[in-house]
Amino acid sequence: MKPETIENIISVKNLKKSYHDGVEATTALAGVTFDVRKGEFVAIMGPSGSGKSTLLHLLGLLDSPTSGTYHFNGKNTTTFSGDQLADLRNRELGFVFQAFNLLARTSVLENVKLPLIYSENIPESEWNARATKAIEAVGLGHRINHDQSELSGGERQRVAIARALVTDPEIIFADEPTGNLDSKSGKNVMSILQGLNEKEGKTIILITHETATAEHAERIIRLLDGEIETDTKVRNRLGADAEYVK
């Protein structure tokens, strides 16, 4: 059981994002405020155009807000330089995307090692051991030397999770991680994410349009037209059928 904590890893206040095309501005986020505790599993939902992808990009330090503040572990990231943001992103954040984003014609091991190339804190002598541990954590030790093209969609997503884990980040952002998968593979992926949250204490931010996927989280934030429509606890949290592989 993960330890109880009330410390916030994320605090955003009146976060806004607008895009300009040279003629007019389009508001993607109209001002959102919320906190995420360390070790919490939060799902963000909303229809197309609601702002959920924009919010993910801001929380993942892949984009900068137009206004408002974003504190990560008590540090105001909106004051950081580009290099500081990149360093924080590489050290503390892990990403899992719907499209997997794996390198073509490359083995599972080499794909998972990729983030370590950009990490200045982890010596190259540790890369293989770290990558192997992450691959085994998602149950793919027997596929470690296989080319990613030889894997099923579910296995590729598990490789993507291993890649997100390899730097031991504080938080994992999962953007529609089951969107390209069949139901069985999707449940397996959600089982792994739940295990990382419940047994390893990882903070998970999940973006999804699927209610059944969102209900694996502890809490659901629903966006509408760039604003928070509801922010509620999940009363009957779902468990995945597949067993978490340690």
Protein backbone atom coordinates (compact mmCIF):
# COMPACT_ATOMS: atom_id res chain seq x y z
CA MET A 1 0.00 0.00 0.00
CA LYS A 2 1.39 3.40 -0.97
CA PRO A 3 2.08 5.82 1.91
CA GLU A 4 -0.40 8.58 2.69
CA THR A 5 0.79 12.04 1.74
CA ILE A 6 -0.69 15.50 1.58
CA GLU A 7 2.27 17.13 -0.14
CA ASN A 8 1.44 18.53 -3.57
CA ILE A 9 3.65 17.69 -6.53
CA ILE A 10 1.61 19.96 -8.84
CA SER A 11 -0.14 23.23 -8.07
CA VAL A 12 -1.58 25.32 -10.88
CA LYS A 13 -3.40 28.61 -10.37
CA ASN A 14 -5.45 30.40 -13.03
CA LEU A 15 -3.45 28.70 -15.79
CA LYS A 16 -4.34 30.09 -19.21
CA LYS A 17 -3.20 29.38 -22.75
CA SER A 18 -4.09 31.26 -25.92
CA TYR A 19 -2.86 30.82 -29.47
CA HIS A 20 -2.52 33.66 -31.98
CA ASP A 21 -2.68 33.19 -35.74
CA GLY A 22 -1.73 36.78 -36.49
CA VAL A 23 -5.35 37.89 -36.77
CA GLU A 24 -7.17 36.64 -33.70
CA ALA A 25 -6.52 34.73 -30.49
CA THR A 26 -7.99 31.32 -29.67
CA THR A 27 -8.33 30.43 -26.00
CA ALA A 28 -7.42 26.80 -25.28
CA LEU A 29 -7.38 27.12 -21.48
CA ALA A 30 -9.46 29.84 -19.84
CA GLY A 31 -7.94 29.64 -16.36
CA VAL A 32 -7.68 26.38 -14.40
CA THR A 33 -6.72 25.92 -10.76
CA PHE A 34 -6.07 22.61 -9.02
CA ASP A 35 -3.50 20.61 -7.04
CA VAL A 36 -2.20 17.06 -7.44
CA ARG A 37 -0.79 15.26 -4.41
CA LYS A 38 2.35 13.14 -4.61
CA GLY A 39 1.33 9.56 -5.30
CA GLU A 40 -2.08 10.49 -6.66
CA PHE A 41 -3.62 8.99 -9.83
CA VAL A 42 -5.62 11.65 -11.70
CA ALA A 43 -7.52 11.29 -14.98
CA ILE A 44 -8.27 14.35 -17.12
CA MET A 45 -11.26 14.03 -19.44
CA GLY A 46 -13.17 16.22 -21.85
CA PRO A 47 -14.49 16.35 -25.40
CA SER A 48 -12.33 17.37 -28.35
CA GLY A 49 -11.38 21.02 -28.01
CA SER A 50 -11.92 21.04 -24.24
CA GLY A 51 -8.26 21.83 -23.53
CA LYS A 52 -7.07 18.51 -22.12
CA SER A 53 -4.17 18.10 -24.58
CA THR A 54 -3.13 21.71 -24.01
CA LEU A 55 -3.19 21.13 -20.26
CA LEU A 56 -1.05 18.01 -20.64
CA HIS A 57 1.52 19.94 -22.67
CA LEU A 58 1.68 22.64 -19.99
CA LEU A 59 1.93 20.21 -17.09
CA GLY A 60 4.55 18.20 -18.98
CA LEU A 61 6.62 21.36 -19.58
CA LEU A 62 6.28 20.85 -23.33
CA ASP A 63 4.69 24.28 -23.70
CA SER A 64 4.45 27.48 -21.66
CA PRO A 65 1.25 29.12 -20.35
CA THR A 66 0.09 32.53 -21.51
CA SER A 67 -0.51 33.44 -17.86
CA GLY A 68 -1.01 31.89 -14.44
CA THR A 69 1.43 29.86 -12.34
CA TYR A 70 2.56 26.25 -12.29
CA HIS A 71 4.45 25.00 -9.24
CA PHE A 72 6.18 21.61 -9.49
CA ASN A 73 7.40 20.34 -6.12
CA GLY A 74 7.05 23.86 -4.79
CA LYS A 75 9.08 25.48 -7.59
CA ASN A 76 7.45 28.05 -9.85
CA THR A 77 8.22 26.65 -13.30
CA THR A 78 6.82 29.72 -15.04
CA THR A 79 10.02 31.55 -14.01
CA PHE A 80 12.36 28.85 -15.39
CA SER A 81 14.60 29.25 -18.42
CA GLY A 82 14.34 26.86 -21.35
CA ASP A 83 17.37 24.92 -20.12
CA GLN A 84 15.93 24.64 -16.61
CA LEU A 85 12.63 23.36 -17.98
CA ALA A 86 14.41 20.79 -20.16
CA ASP A 87 16.47 19.59 -17.20
CA LEU A 88 13.40 19.24 -14.98
CA ARG A 89 11.49 17.47 -17.74
CA ASN A 90 14.32 15.00 -18.34
CA ARG A 91 14.88 14.25 -14.65
CA GLU A 92 11.40 14.21 -13.13
CA LEU A 93 8.85 13.54 -15.89
CA GLY A 94 8.01 10.44 -17.90
CA PHE A 95 5.68 10.34 -20.93
CA VAL A 96 3.54 7.62 -22.50
CA PHE A 97 1.80 8.55 -25.76
CA GLN A 98 -1.07 6.97 -27.69
CA ALA A 99 1.11 6.51 -30.78
CA PHE A 100 3.92 4.78 -28.78
CA ASN A 101 6.60 6.98 -30.46
CA LEU A 102 9.16 4.17 -30.55
CA LEU A 103 12.22 4.23 -32.79
CA ALA A 104 11.82 2.14 -35.93
CA ARG A 105 14.17 -0.80 -36.62
CA THR A 106 15.41 -0.60 -33.03
CA SER A 107 15.33 -3.16 -30.23
CA VAL A 108 13.22 -2.92 -27.09
CA LEU A 109 16.38 -2.36 -25.05
CA GLU A 110 17.63 0.50 -27.22
CA ASN A 111 14.20 2.16 -27.25
CA VAL A 112 14.00 2.10 -23.47
CA LYS A 113 17.54 3.41 -23.08
CA LEU A 114 16.80 6.48 -25.19
CA PRO A 115 15.90 8.93 -22.35
CA LEU A 116 19.15 8.06 -20.57
CA ILE A 117 21.13 9.60 -23.42
CA TYR A 118 19.72 12.99 -22.40
CA SER A 119 20.23 12.48 -18.69
CA GLU A 120 23.37 14.05 -17.26
CA ASN A 121 22.83 12.43 -13.85
CA ILE A 122 22.96 8.77 -14.88
CA PRO A 123 26.34 7.37 -16.03
CA GLU A 124 26.42 5.30 -19.20
CA SER A 125 27.70 2.31 -17.22
CA GLU A 126 24.23 2.05 -15.61
CA TRP A 127 22.12 2.38 -18.76
CA ASN A 128 21.73 -1.31 -19.62
CA ALA A 129 20.90 -2.29 -16.04
CA ARG A 130 18.34 0.48 -15.65
CA ALA A 131 16.70 -0.27 -18.99
CA THR A 132 16.59 -4.00 -18.25
CA LYS A 133 14.94 -3.37 -14.88
CA ALA A 134 12.29 -1.15 -16.47
CA ILE A 135 11.59 -3.69 -19.22
CA GLU A 136 11.22 -6.49 -16.69
CA ALA A 137 8.88 -4.30 -14.62
CA VAL A 138 6.37 -4.29 -17.49
CA GLY A 139 6.74 -8.02 -18.12
CA LEU A 140 8.77 -7.87 -21.33
CA GLY A 141 12.10 -9.31 -20.23
CA HIS A 142 11.68 -12.12 -22.77
CA ARG A 143 11.36 -9.56 -25.58
CA ILE A 144 14.27 -7.32 -24.62
CA ASN A 145 16.29 -7.90 -27.80
CA HIS A 146 13.36 -8.00 -30.21
CA ASP A 147 12.84 -5.22 -32.73
CA GLN A 148 9.87 -3.05 -31.83
CA SER A 149 8.26 -3.96 -35.19
CA GLU A 150 7.99 -7.56 -33.96
CA LEU A 151 5.75 -6.57 -31.04
CA SER A 152 1.99 -6.31 -30.72
CA GLY A 153 0.35 -2.95 -30.02
CA GLY A 154 -0.05 -3.80 -26.35
CA GLU A 155 3.60 -4.82 -26.09
CA ARG A 156 4.71 -1.60 -27.79
CA GLN A 157 2.75 0.43 -25.26
CA ARG A 158 4.40 -1.52 -22.44
CA VAL A 159 7.77 -0.64 -23.99
CA ALA A 160 6.69 3.00 -23.96
CA ILE A 161 5.85 2.68 -20.26
CA ALA A 162 9.24 1.11 -19.58
CA ARG A 163 10.89 4.00 -21.41
CA ALA A 164 8.95 6.44 -19.23
CA LEU A 165 10.14 4.59 -16.12
CA VAL A 166 13.81 4.27 -16.95
CA THR A 167 14.87 7.60 -15.41
CA ASP A 168 12.78 6.91 -12.29
CA PRO A 169 10.63 10.03 -12.72
CA GLU A 170 8.43 11.47 -10.00
CA ILE A 171 5.42 11.67 -12.30
CA ILE A 172 4.19 9.84 -15.40
CA PHE A 173 1.97 11.53 -17.99
CA ALA A 174 -0.06 9.03 -20.02
CA ASP A 175 -1.77 10.56 -23.06
CA GLU A 176 -4.58 8.25 -24.29
CA PRO A 177 -2.40 5.18 -23.52
CA THR A 178 -5.17 2.71 -24.43
CA GLY A 179 -6.50 4.60 -27.45
CA ASN A 180 -4.87 2.35 -30.07
CA LEU A 181 -5.30 -0.93 -28.19
CA ASP A 182 -7.85 -3.72 -28.02
CA SER A 183 -9.69 -4.15 -24.72
CA LYS A 184 -7.42 -6.92 -23.40
CA SER A 185 -4.23 -4.99 -24.14
CA GLY A 186 -5.80 -1.83 -22.72
CA LYS A 187 -6.59 -3.58 -19.45
CA ASN A 188 -3.03 -4.87 -19.26
CA VAL A 189 -1.63 -1.36 -19.74
CA MET A 190 -3.98 0.03 -17.08
CA SER A 191 -2.94 -2.76 -14.73
CA ILE A 192 0.69 -1.73 -15.11
CA LEU A 193 -0.10 1.94 -14.53
CA GLN A 194 -2.19 1.09 -11.47
CA GLY A 195 0.60 -1.06 -10.11
CA LEU A 196 3.11 1.74 -10.55
CA ASN A 197 0.75 4.03 -8.66
CA GLU A 198 -0.35 1.70 -5.87
CA LYS A 199 2.83 -0.30 -5.29
CA GLU A 200 5.56 2.10 -6.37
CA GLY A 201 3.87 5.35 -5.34
CA LYS A 202 4.24 6.98 -8.76
CA THR A 203 2.09 10.01 -9.48
CA ILE A 204 0.07 9.38 -12.66
CA ILE A 205 -1.68 11.97 -14.82
CA LEU A 206 -3.87 10.21 -17.39
CA ILE A 207 -5.49 11.89 -20.39
CA THR A 208 -8.38 9.88 -21.81
CA HIS A 209 -11.78 10.17 -23.45
CA GLU A 210 -12.79 6.70 -22.23
CA THR A 211 -14.83 6.67 -19.01
CA ALA A 212 -13.88 3.06 -18.22
CA THR A 213 -10.20 3.95 -18.52
CA ALA A 214 -10.58 7.09 -16.39
CA GLU A 215 -12.25 5.14 -13.60
CA HIS A 216 -9.00 3.30 -12.91
CA ALA A 217 -7.83 6.61 -11.44
CA GLU A 218 -8.64 7.97 -7.97
CA ARG A 219 -9.95 11.27 -9.26
CA ILE A 220 -11.35 12.66 -12.50
CA ILE A 221 -11.02 16.26 -13.66
CA ARG A 222 -13.42 17.05 -16.51
CA LEU A 223 -12.69 19.98 -18.79
CA LEU A 224 -15.17 21.86 -20.95
CA ASP A 225 -14.34 24.84 -23.14
CA GLY A 226 -10.98 25.34 -21.44
CA GLU A 227 -12.36 25.34 -17.90
CA ILE A 228 -12.78 22.74 -15.16
CA GLU A 229 -16.36 21.51 -15.30
CA THR A 230 -16.05 18.99 -12.44
CA ASP A 231 -13.30 17.65 -10.17
CA THR A 232 -14.49 14.53 -8.35
CA LYS A 233 -13.22 11.45 -6.54
CA VAL A 234 -13.88 8.08 -8.15
CA ARG A 235 -16.23 6.28 -5.77
CA ASN A 236 -15.97 2.81 -7.30
CA ARG A 237 -12.48 2.68 -8.69
CA LEU A 238 -12.00 -0.03 -11.30
CA GLY A 239 -9.31 -2.68 -11.13
CA ALA A 240 -7.70 -4.10 -14.26
CA ASP A 241 -8.23 -7.78 -15.04
CA ALA A 242 -4.58 -8.35 -15.87
CA GLU A 243 -2.21 -8.77 -12.94
CA TYR A 244 0.47 -6.14 -12.36
CA VAL A 245 3.88 -7.55 -13.23
CA LYS A 246 6.60 -6.57 -10.77
